[in-house]
Structures are given as C-alpha cells and as structure tokens.
Amino acid sequence: MNRRPRVLTASVALGLTLGLLGSSGAQSPALKRTELLRSDMAGMEGKEAHMWVADIAPGAATGMHRHPTPRFVYVIAGAVTLEVDGRPLQY
C-alpha cells in the first residue's frame, strides 16, 4: 500500500487540530470582553467574583455553551436572547 495517502491524511488532520486549538481561546471580533473587577469572595476560600462588560455586535452569537456557576446579565443597550432549557428568552 502506498504510504503517501496516509501521510497526507495525517498531515491534514494534524493541521486541522492545531488550527482549531489555536483559535479556541481567541475572542470573536463580534465579541469584546472587558474585565472590570476580579475579587476574592469573602468567607468562600478559593472562590473569586468576576465582573465584565461584554460588547456583542448586532446579530452576533456566542454559540452554545454552559457556565459551571451562576451568571447575572444586565443589558445596557439593545437586546439579547438566551436559550434556557430549549426555550428562547429575550432581554
């Protein structure tokens, strides 16, 4: 069997994997997050509170994701639609 197709397939797979890993931590140009506060939580050792302003471009989406802790959202301007338990909620 010719070794060339296997090497090409492995190279393409490696390139795709590295490309996806390299972009996974990058923020989308449609989303700009600015950290306002990071503070230890009183009486909760090892826990921190974080506060950000997230500027999300009109029509942009963050994609499906989950957070392991409670989130509180305050919409300053415009509207945002969240999907909770399969139902859209607009704020």
PDB file of N, CA and C in Angstrom:
ATOM      1  N   MET A   1       0.847  -1.183   0.000  1.00  0.00           N
ATOM      2  CA  MET A   1       0.000   0.000   0.000  1.00  0.00           C
ATOM      3  C   MET A   1       0.888   1.240   0.000  1.00  0.00           C
ATOM      4  N   ASN A   2       0.451   2.255  -0.726  1.00  0.00           N
ATOM      5  CA  ASN A   2       1.209   3.495  -0.828  1.00  0.00           C
ATOM      6  C   ASN A   2       1.114   4.282   0.479  1.00  0.00           C
ATOM      7  N   ARG A   3       2.256   4.724   0.964  1.00  0.00           N
ATOM      8  CA  ARG A   3       2.322   5.442   2.234  1.00  0.00           C
ATOM      9  C   ARG A   3       1.886   6.900   2.098  1.00  0.00           C
ATOM     10  N   ARG A   4       1.956   7.442   0.907  1.00  0.00           N
ATOM     11  CA  ARG A   4       1.670   8.863   0.689  1.00  0.00           C
ATOM     12  C   ARG A   4       0.254   9.275   1.131  1.00  0.00           C
ATOM     13  N   PRO A   5      -0.826   8.546   0.786  1.00  0.00           N
ATOM     14  CA  PRO A   5      -2.166   8.964   1.231  1.00  0.00           C
ATOM     15  C   PRO A   5      -2.302   9.006   2.754  1.00  0.00           C
ATOM     16  N   ARG A   6      -1.661   8.050   3.448  1.00  0.00           N
ATOM     17  CA  ARG A   6      -1.745   8.046   4.911  1.00  0.00           C
ATOM     18  C   ARG A   6      -1.019   9.240   5.504  1.00  0.00           C
ATOM     19  N   VAL A   7       0.141   9.595   4.960  1.00  0.00           N
ATOM     20  CA  VAL A   7       0.900  10.745   5.451  1.00  0.00           C
ATOM     21  C   VAL A   7       0.122  12.029   5.184  1.00  0.00           C
ATOM     22  N   LEU A   8      -0.471  12.141   3.998  1.00  0.00           N
ATOM     23  CA  LEU A   8      -1.259  13.325   3.657  1.00  0.00           C
ATOM     24  C   LEU A   8      -2.465  13.449   4.587  1.00  0.00           C
ATOM     25  N   THR A   9      -3.168  12.344   4.821  1.00  0.00           N
ATOM     26  CA  THR A   9      -4.330  12.357   5.715  1.00  0.00           C
ATOM     27  C   THR A   9      -3.918  12.757   7.124  1.00  0.00           C
ATOM     28  N   ALA A  10      -2.823  12.198   7.620  1.00  0.00           N
ATOM     29  CA  ALA A  10      -2.344  12.537   8.961  1.00  0.00           C
ATOM     30  C   ALA A  10      -1.945  14.004   9.039  1.00  0.00           C
ATOM     31  N   SER A  11      -1.310  14.526   7.998  1.00  0.00           N
ATOM     32  CA  SER A  11      -0.892  15.932   7.984  1.00  0.00           C
ATOM     33  C   SER A  11      -2.097  16.866   7.998  1.00  0.00           C
ATOM     34  N   VAL A  12      -3.110  16.541   7.203  1.00  0.00           N
ATOM     35  CA  VAL A  12      -4.325  17.369   7.171  1.00  0.00           C
ATOM     36  C   VAL A  12      -5.021  17.323   8.531  1.00  0.00           C
ATOM     37  N   ALA A  13      -5.137  16.140   9.125  1.00  0.00           N
ATOM     38  CA  ALA A  13      -5.782  16.008  10.433  1.00  0.00           C
ATOM     39  C   ALA A  13      -5.029  16.804  11.493  1.00  0.00           C
ATOM     40  N   LEU A  14      -3.705  16.732  11.485  1.00  0.00           N
ATOM     41  CA  LEU A  14      -2.897  17.479  12.448  1.00  0.00           C
ATOM     42  C   LEU A  14      -3.072  18.977  12.238  1.00  0.00           C
ATOM     43  N   GLY A  15      -3.064  19.423  10.991  1.00  0.00           N
ATOM     44  CA  GLY A  15      -3.238  20.845  10.696  1.00  0.00           C
ATOM     45  C   GLY A  15      -4.584  21.362  11.164  1.00  0.00           C
ATOM     46  N   LEU A  16      -5.649  20.589  10.927  1.00  0.00           N
ATOM     47  CA  LEU A  16      -6.977  20.996  11.381  1.00  0.00           C
ATOM     48  C   LEU A  16      -7.048  21.052  12.899  1.00  0.00           C
ATOM     49  N   THR A  17      -6.467  20.048  13.554  1.00  0.00           N
ATOM     50  CA  THR A  17      -6.477  20.018  15.017  1.00  0.00           C
ATOM     51  C   THR A  17      -5.741  21.215  15.590  1.00  0.00           C
ATOM     52  N   LEU A  18      -4.549  21.499  15.088  1.00  0.00           N
ATOM     53  CA  LEU A  18      -3.779  22.637  15.593  1.00  0.00           C
ATOM     54  C   LEU A  18      -4.488  23.948  15.295  1.00  0.00           C
ATOM     55  N   GLY A  19      -5.111  24.055  14.149  1.00  0.00           N
ATOM     56  CA  GLY A  19      -5.853  25.268  13.808  1.00  0.00           C
ATOM     57  C   GLY A  19      -7.023  25.494  14.743  1.00  0.00           C
ATOM     58  N   LEU A  20      -7.746  24.422  15.064  1.00  0.00           N
ATOM     59  CA  LEU A  20      -8.874  24.549  15.977  1.00  0.00           C
ATOM     60  C   LEU A  20      -8.413  24.863  17.385  1.00  0.00           C
ATOM     61  N   LEU A  21      -7.341  24.229  17.838  1.00  0.00           N
ATOM     62  CA  LEU A  21      -6.824  24.511  19.172  1.00  0.00           C
ATOM     63  C   LEU A  21      -6.303  25.933  19.270  1.00  0.00           C
ATOM     64  N   GLY A  22      -5.643  26.388  18.241  1.00  0.00           N
ATOM     65  CA  GLY A  22      -5.086  27.732  18.257  1.00  0.00           C
ATOM     66  C   GLY A  22      -6.143  28.806  18.288  1.00  0.00           C
ATOM     67  N   SER A  23      -7.319  28.545  17.735  1.00  0.00           N
ATOM     68  CA  SER A  23      -8.364  29.560  17.700  1.00  0.00           C
ATOM     69  C   SER A  23      -9.356  29.431  18.845  1.00  0.00           C
ATOM     70  N   SER A  24      -9.283  28.360  19.633  1.00  0.00           N
ATOM     71  CA  SER A  24     -10.293  28.137  20.660  1.00  0.00           C
ATOM     72  C   SER A  24     -10.250  29.170  21.772  1.00  0.00           C
ATOM     73  N   GLY A  25      -9.098  29.736  22.090  1.00  0.00           N
ATOM     74  CA  GLY A  25      -9.008  30.720  23.153  1.00  0.00           C
ATOM     75  C   GLY A  25      -9.203  32.137  22.677  1.00  0.00           C
ATOM     76  N   ALA A  26      -9.277  32.342  21.388  1.00  0.00           N
ATOM     77  CA  ALA A  26      -9.396  33.696  20.850  1.00  0.00           C
ATOM     78  C   ALA A  26     -10.840  34.166  20.912  1.00  0.00           C
ATOM     79  N   GLN A  27     -11.016  35.454  21.193  1.00  0.00           N
ATOM     80  CA  GLN A  27     -12.347  36.026  21.176  1.00  0.00           C
ATOM     81  C   GLN A  27     -12.732  36.360  19.750  1.00  0.00           C
ATOM     82  N   SER A  28     -14.003  36.217  19.461  1.00  0.00           N
ATOM     83  CA  SER A  28     -14.524  36.585  18.153  1.00  0.00           C
ATOM     84  C   SER A  28     -14.471  38.100  18.007  1.00  0.00           C
ATOM     85  N   PRO A  29     -14.227  38.615  16.785  1.00  0.00           N
ATOM     86  CA  PRO A  29     -14.257  40.064  16.596  1.00  0.00           C
ATOM     87  C   PRO A  29     -15.636  40.645  16.910  1.00  0.00           C
ATOM     88  N   ALA A  30     -16.684  39.805  16.893  1.00  0.00           N
ATOM     89  CA  ALA A  30     -18.037  40.259  17.191  1.00  0.00           C
ATOM     90  C   ALA A  30     -18.274  40.375  18.697  1.00  0.00           C
ATOM     91  N   LEU A  31     -17.306  39.950  19.513  1.00  0.00           N
ATOM     92  CA  LEU A  31     -17.428  39.989  20.967  1.00  0.00           C
ATOM     93  C   LEU A  31     -16.182  40.623  21.564  1.00  0.00           C
ATOM     94  N   LYS A  32     -16.378  41.645  22.361  1.00  0.00           N
ATOM     95  CA  LYS A  32     -15.255  42.275  23.061  1.00  0.00           C
ATOM     96  C   LYS A  32     -15.583  42.241  24.545  1.00  0.00           C
ATOM     97  N   ARG A  33     -14.734  41.599  25.335  1.00  0.00           N
ATOM     98  CA  ARG A  33     -14.967  41.482  26.772  1.00  0.00           C
ATOM     99  C   ARG A  33     -13.922  42.293  27.517  1.00  0.00           C
ATOM    100  N   THR A  34     -14.392  43.148  28.426  1.00  0.00           N
ATOM    101  CA  THR A  34     -13.509  43.983  29.236  1.00  0.00           C
ATOM    102  C   THR A  34     -13.738  43.647  30.702  1.00  0.00           C
ATOM    103  N   GLU A  35     -12.684  43.210  31.384  1.00  0.00           N
ATOM    104  CA  GLU A  35     -12.818  42.877  32.800  1.00  0.00           C
ATOM    105  C   GLU A  35     -12.854  44.154  33.635  1.00  0.00           C
ATOM    106  N   LEU A  36     -13.846  44.252  34.520  1.00  0.00           N
ATOM    107  CA  LEU A  36     -13.976  45.404  35.402  1.00  0.00           C
ATOM    108  C   LEU A  36     -13.516  45.100  36.815  1.00  0.00           C
ATOM    109  N   LEU A  37     -13.712  43.850  37.270  1.00  0.00           N
ATOM    110  CA  LEU A  37     -13.421  43.503  38.657  1.00  0.00           C
ATOM    111  C   LEU A  37     -13.094  42.025  38.769  1.00  0.00           C
ATOM    112  N   ARG A  38     -12.130  41.727  39.609  1.00  0.00           N
ATOM    113  CA  ARG A  38     -11.819  40.350  39.998  1.00  0.00           C
ATOM    114  C   ARG A  38     -11.484  40.417  41.476  1.00  0.00           C
ATOM    115  N   SER A  39     -12.262  39.705  42.309  1.00  0.00           N
ATOM    116  CA  SER A  39     -12.098  39.835  43.751  1.00  0.00           C
ATOM    117  C   SER A  39     -12.354  38.501  44.435  1.00  0.00           C
ATOM    118  N   ASP A  40     -11.611  38.242  45.519  1.00  0.00           N
ATOM    119  CA  ASP A  40     -11.867  37.056  46.328  1.00  0.00           C
ATOM    120  C   ASP A  40     -13.234  37.196  46.985  1.00  0.00           C
ATOM    121  N   MET A  41     -13.947  36.083  47.110  1.00  0.00           N
ATOM    122  CA  MET A  41     -15.258  36.081  47.758  1.00  0.00           C
ATOM    123  C   MET A  41     -15.051  35.909  49.258  1.00  0.00           C
ATOM    124  N   ALA A  42     -15.561  36.834  50.039  1.00  0.00           N
ATOM    125  CA  ALA A  42     -15.422  36.793  51.498  1.00  0.00           C
ATOM    126  C   ALA A  42     -16.087  35.534  52.049  1.00  0.00           C
ATOM    127  N   GLY A  43     -15.359  34.805  52.881  1.00  0.00           N
ATOM    128  CA  GLY A  43     -15.903  33.613  53.512  1.00  0.00           C
ATOM    129  C   GLY A  43     -15.993  32.400  52.599  1.00  0.00           C
ATOM    130  N   MET A  44     -15.457  32.493  51.381  1.00  0.00           N
ATOM    131  CA  MET A  44     -15.504  31.374  50.437  1.00  0.00           C
ATOM    132  C   MET A  44     -14.102  31.164  49.874  1.00  0.00           C
ATOM    133  N   GLU A  45     -13.266  30.504  50.650  1.00  0.00           N
ATOM    134  CA  GLU A  45     -11.867  30.320  50.274  1.00  0.00           C
ATOM    135  C   GLU A  45     -11.730  29.673  48.894  1.00  0.00           C
ATOM    136  N   GLY A  46     -10.866  30.268  48.081  1.00  0.00           N
ATOM    137  CA  GLY A  46     -10.602  29.746  46.750  1.00  0.00           C
ATOM    138  C   GLY A  46     -11.616  30.161  45.692  1.00  0.00           C
ATOM    139  N   LYS A  47     -12.605  30.965  46.063  1.00  0.00           N
ATOM    140  CA  LYS A  47     -13.633  31.409  45.114  1.00  0.00           C
ATOM    141  C   LYS A  47     -13.422  32.882  44.786  1.00  0.00           C
ATOM    142  N   GLU A  48     -13.637  33.231  43.524  1.00  0.00           N
ATOM    143  CA  GLU A  48     -13.494  34.614  43.074  1.00  0.00           C
ATOM    144  C   GLU A  48     -14.777  35.088  42.411  1.00  0.00           C
ATOM    145  N   ALA A  49     -15.009  36.389  42.500  1.00  0.00           N
ATOM    146  CA  ALA A  49     -16.094  37.033  41.752  1.00  0.00           C
ATOM    147  C   ALA A  49     -15.449  37.772  40.589  1.00  0.00           C
ATOM    148  N   HIS A  50     -16.081  37.711  39.433  1.00  0.00           N
ATOM    149  CA  HIS A  50     -15.586  38.391  38.236  1.00  0.00           C
ATOM    150  C   HIS A  50     -16.706  39.259  37.681  1.00  0.00           C
ATOM    151  N   MET A  51     -16.355  40.442  37.189  1.00  0.00           N
ATOM    152  CA  MET A  51     -17.335  41.313  36.544  1.00  0.00           C
ATOM    153  C   MET A  51     -16.745  41.800  35.230  1.00  0.00           C
ATOM    154  N   TRP A  52     -17.523  41.634  34.142  1.00  0.00           N
ATOM    155  CA  TRP A  52     -17.084  42.052  32.813  1.00  0.00           C
ATOM    156  C   TRP A  52     -18.158  42.881  32.142  1.00  0.00           C
ATOM    157  N   VAL A  53     -17.732  43.649  31.173  1.00  0.00           N
ATOM    158  CA  VAL A  53     -18.640  44.244  30.200  1.00  0.00           C
ATOM    159  C   VAL A  53     -18.372  43.494  28.906  1.00  0.00           C
ATOM    160  N   ALA A  54     -19.420  42.943  28.321  1.00  0.00           N
ATOM    161  CA  ALA A  54     -19.284  42.233  27.050  1.00  0.00           C
ATOM    162  C   ALA A  54     -20.005  43.034  25.978  1.00  0.00           C
ATOM    163  N   ASP A  55     -19.253  43.540  25.024  1.00  0.00           N
ATOM    164  CA  ASP A  55     -19.833  44.236  23.877  1.00  0.00           C
ATOM    165  C   ASP A  55     -20.023  43.204  22.774  1.00  0.00           C
ATOM    166  N   ILE A  56     -21.277  42.933  22.443  1.00  0.00           N
ATOM    167  CA  ILE A  56     -21.601  41.937  21.427  1.00  0.00           C
ATOM    168  C   ILE A  56     -22.190  42.663  20.227  1.00  0.00           C
ATOM    169  N   ALA A  57     -21.603  42.460  19.079  1.00  0.00           N
ATOM    170  CA  ALA A  57     -22.053  43.133  17.855  1.00  0.00           C
ATOM    171  C   ALA A  57     -23.470  42.691  17.491  1.00  0.00           C
ATOM    172  N   PRO A  58     -24.265  43.575  16.875  1.00  0.00           N
ATOM    173  CA  PRO A  58     -25.618  43.202  16.444  1.00  0.00           C
ATOM    174  C   PRO A  58     -25.588  41.967  15.542  1.00  0.00           C
ATOM    175  N   GLY A  59     -26.463  41.015  15.841  1.00  0.00           N
ATOM    176  CA  GLY A  59     -26.559  39.794  15.052  1.00  0.00           C
ATOM    177  C   GLY A  59     -25.523  38.739  15.390  1.00  0.00           C
ATOM    178  N   ALA A  60     -24.596  39.049  16.290  1.00  0.00           N
ATOM    179  CA  ALA A  60     -23.539  38.091  16.650  1.00  0.00           C
ATOM    180  C   ALA A  60     -24.087  37.026  17.595  1.00  0.00           C
ATOM    181  N   ALA A  61     -23.430  35.883  17.626  1.00  0.00           N
ATOM    182  CA  ALA A  61     -23.820  34.788  18.514  1.00  0.00           C
ATOM    183  C   ALA A  61     -22.575  34.236  19.190  1.00  0.00           C
ATOM    184  N   THR A  62     -22.715  33.814  20.423  1.00  0.00           N
ATOM    185  CA  THR A  62     -21.584  33.232  21.144  1.00  0.00           C
ATOM    186  C   THR A  62     -21.509  31.730  20.957  1.00  0.00           C
ATOM    187  N   GLY A  63     -22.555  31.132  20.416  1.00  0.00           N
ATOM    188  CA  GLY A  63     -22.573  29.680  20.263  1.00  0.00           C
ATOM    189  C   GLY A  63     -23.038  29.019  21.549  1.00  0.00           C
ATOM    190  N   MET A  64     -23.460  27.780  21.433  1.00  0.00           N
ATOM    191  CA  MET A  64     -23.938  27.040  22.601  1.00  0.00           C
ATOM    192  C   MET A  64     -22.788  26.819  23.567  1.00  0.00           C
ATOM    193  N   HIS A  65     -23.026  27.141  24.821  1.00  0.00           N
ATOM    194  CA  HIS A  65     -22.043  26.874  25.862  1.00  0.00           C
ATOM    195  C   HIS A  65     -22.741  26.903  27.216  1.00  0.00           C
ATOM    196  N   ARG A  66     -22.050  26.440  28.222  1.00  0.00           N
ATOM    197  CA  ARG A  66     -22.589  26.400  29.589  1.00  0.00           C
ATOM    198  C   ARG A  66     -21.589  27.046  30.532  1.00  0.00           C
ATOM    199  N   HIS A  67     -22.102  27.469  31.689  1.00  0.00           N
ATOM    200  CA  HIS A  67     -21.252  28.019  32.736  1.00  0.00           C
ATOM    201  C   HIS A  67     -21.443  27.165  33.988  1.00  0.00           C
ATOM    202  N   PRO A  68     -20.361  26.825  34.693  1.00  0.00           N
ATOM    203  CA  PRO A  68     -20.480  25.980  35.876  1.00  0.00           C
ATOM    204  C   PRO A  68     -20.972  26.742  37.110  1.00  0.00           C
ATOM    205  N   THR A  69     -21.103  28.051  37.005  1.00  0.00           N
ATOM    206  CA  THR A  69     -21.528  28.881  38.136  1.00  0.00           C
ATOM    207  C   THR A  69     -22.643  29.815  37.681  1.00  0.00           C
ATOM    208  N   PRO A  70     -23.390  30.381  38.620  1.00  0.00           N
ATOM    209  CA  PRO A  70     -24.454  31.319  38.235  1.00  0.00           C
ATOM    210  C   PRO A  70     -23.897  32.535  37.495  1.00  0.00           C
ATOM    211  N   ARG A  71     -24.683  33.046  36.556  1.00  0.00           N
ATOM    212  CA  ARG A  71     -24.337  34.250  35.800  1.00  0.00           C
ATOM    213  C   ARG A  71     -25.464  35.250  35.968  1.00  0.00           C
ATOM    214  N   PHE A  72     -25.103  36.511  36.048  1.00  0.00           N
ATOM    215  CA  PHE A  72     -26.072  37.593  36.127  1.00  0.00           C
ATOM    216  C   PHE A  72     -25.804  38.515  34.955  1.00  0.00           C
ATOM    217  N   VAL A  73     -26.844  38.834  34.190  1.00  0.00           N
ATOM    218  CA  VAL A  73     -26.682  39.636  32.979  1.00  0.00           C
ATOM    219  C   VAL A  73     -27.495  40.915  33.119  1.00  0.00           C
ATOM    220  N   TYR A  74     -26.866  42.031  32.792  1.00  0.00           N
ATOM    221  CA  TYR A  74     -27.538  43.327  32.761  1.00  0.00           C
ATOM    222  C   TYR A  74     -27.328  43.896  31.370  1.00  0.00           C
ATOM    223  N   VAL A  75     -28.412  44.089  30.625  1.00  0.00           N
ATOM    224  CA  VAL A  75     -28.315  44.599  29.258  1.00  0.00           C
ATOM    225  C   VAL A  75     -28.342  46.121  29.320  1.00  0.00           C
ATOM    226  N   ILE A  76     -27.252  46.753  28.886  1.00  0.00           N
ATOM    227  CA  ILE A  76     -27.146  48.210  28.920  1.00  0.00           C
ATOM    228  C   ILE A  76     -27.858  48.829  27.721  1.00  0.00           C
ATOM    229  N   ALA A  77     -27.698  48.244  26.552  1.00  0.00           N
ATOM    230  CA  ALA A  77     -28.339  48.762  25.339  1.00  0.00           C
ATOM    231  C   ALA A  77     -28.638  47.602  24.406  1.00  0.00           C
ATOM    232  N   GLY A  78     -29.733  47.699  23.665  1.00  0.00           N
ATOM    233  CA  GLY A  78     -30.087  46.641  22.727  1.00  0.00           C
ATOM    234  C   GLY A  78     -30.844  45.523  23.417  1.00  0.00           C
ATOM    235  N   ALA A  79     -30.726  44.328  22.896  1.00  0.00           N
ATOM    236  CA  ALA A  79     -31.420  43.158  23.435  1.00  0.00           C
ATOM    237  C   ALA A  79     -30.520  41.942  23.264  1.00  0.00           C
ATOM    238  N   VAL A  80     -30.749  40.949  24.091  1.00  0.00           N
ATOM    239  CA  VAL A  80     -30.003  39.697  23.991  1.00  0.00           C
ATOM    240  C   VAL A  80     -31.002  38.555  24.153  1.00  0.00           C
ATOM    241  N   THR A  81     -30.803  37.485  23.397  1.00  0.00           N
ATOM    242  CA  THR A  81     -31.658  36.309  23.500  1.00  0.00           C
ATOM    243  C   THR A  81     -30.822  35.159  24.043  1.00  0.00           C
ATOM    244  N   LEU A  82     -31.272  34.588  25.147  1.00  0.00           N
ATOM    245  CA  LEU A  82     -30.623  33.425  25.750  1.00  0.00           C
ATOM    246  C   LEU A  82     -31.540  32.229  25.547  1.00  0.00           C
ATOM    247  N   GLU A  83     -30.957  31.064  25.374  1.00  0.00           N
ATOM    248  CA  GLU A  83     -31.762  29.852  25.276  1.00  0.00           C
ATOM    249  C   GLU A  83     -31.556  29.062  26.552  1.00  0.00           C
ATOM    250  N   VAL A  84     -32.645  28.866  27.301  1.00  0.00           N
ATOM    251  CA  VAL A  84     -32.590  28.136  28.562  1.00  0.00           C
ATOM    252  C   VAL A  84     -33.575  26.979  28.465  1.00  0.00           C
ATOM    253  N   ASP A  85     -33.092  25.770  28.681  1.00  0.00           N
ATOM    254  CA  ASP A  85     -33.919  24.561  28.574  1.00  0.00           C
ATOM    255  C   ASP A  85     -34.651  24.492  27.239  1.00  0.00           C
ATOM    256  N   GLY A  86     -33.961  24.905  26.167  1.00  0.00           N
ATOM    257  CA  GLY A  86     -34.517  24.820  24.826  1.00  0.00           C
ATOM    258  C   GLY A  86     -35.491  25.923  24.458  1.00  0.00           C
ATOM    259  N   ARG A  87     -35.712  26.867  25.365  1.00  0.00           N
ATOM    260  CA  ARG A  87     -36.647  27.964  25.081  1.00  0.00           C
ATOM    261  C   ARG A  87     -35.891  29.286  25.019  1.00  0.00           C
ATOM    262  N   PRO A  88     -36.166  30.100  23.993  1.00  0.00           N
ATOM    263  CA  PRO A  88     -35.502  31.400  23.893  1.00  0.00           C
ATOM    264  C   PRO A  88     -36.106  32.405  24.875  1.00  0.00           C
ATOM    265  N   LEU A  89     -35.245  33.140  25.557  1.00  0.00           N
ATOM    266  CA  LEU A  89     -35.659  34.211  26.461  1.00  0.00           C
ATOM    267  C   LEU A  89     -34.980  35.483  25.987  1.00  0.00           C
ATOM    268  N   GLN A  90     -35.770  36.519  25.706  1.00  0.00           N
ATOM    269  CA  GLN A  90     -35.177  37.767  25.218  1.00  0.00           C
ATOM    270  C   GLN A  90     -35.210  38.813  26.324  1.00  0.00           C
ATOM    271  N   TYR A  91     -34.081  39.506  26.476  1.00  0.00           N
ATOM    272  CA  TYR A  91     -33.946  40.573  27.470  1.00  0.00           C
ATOM    273  C   TYR A  91     -33.566  41.846  26.763  1.00  0.00           C
TER     274      TYR A  91
END
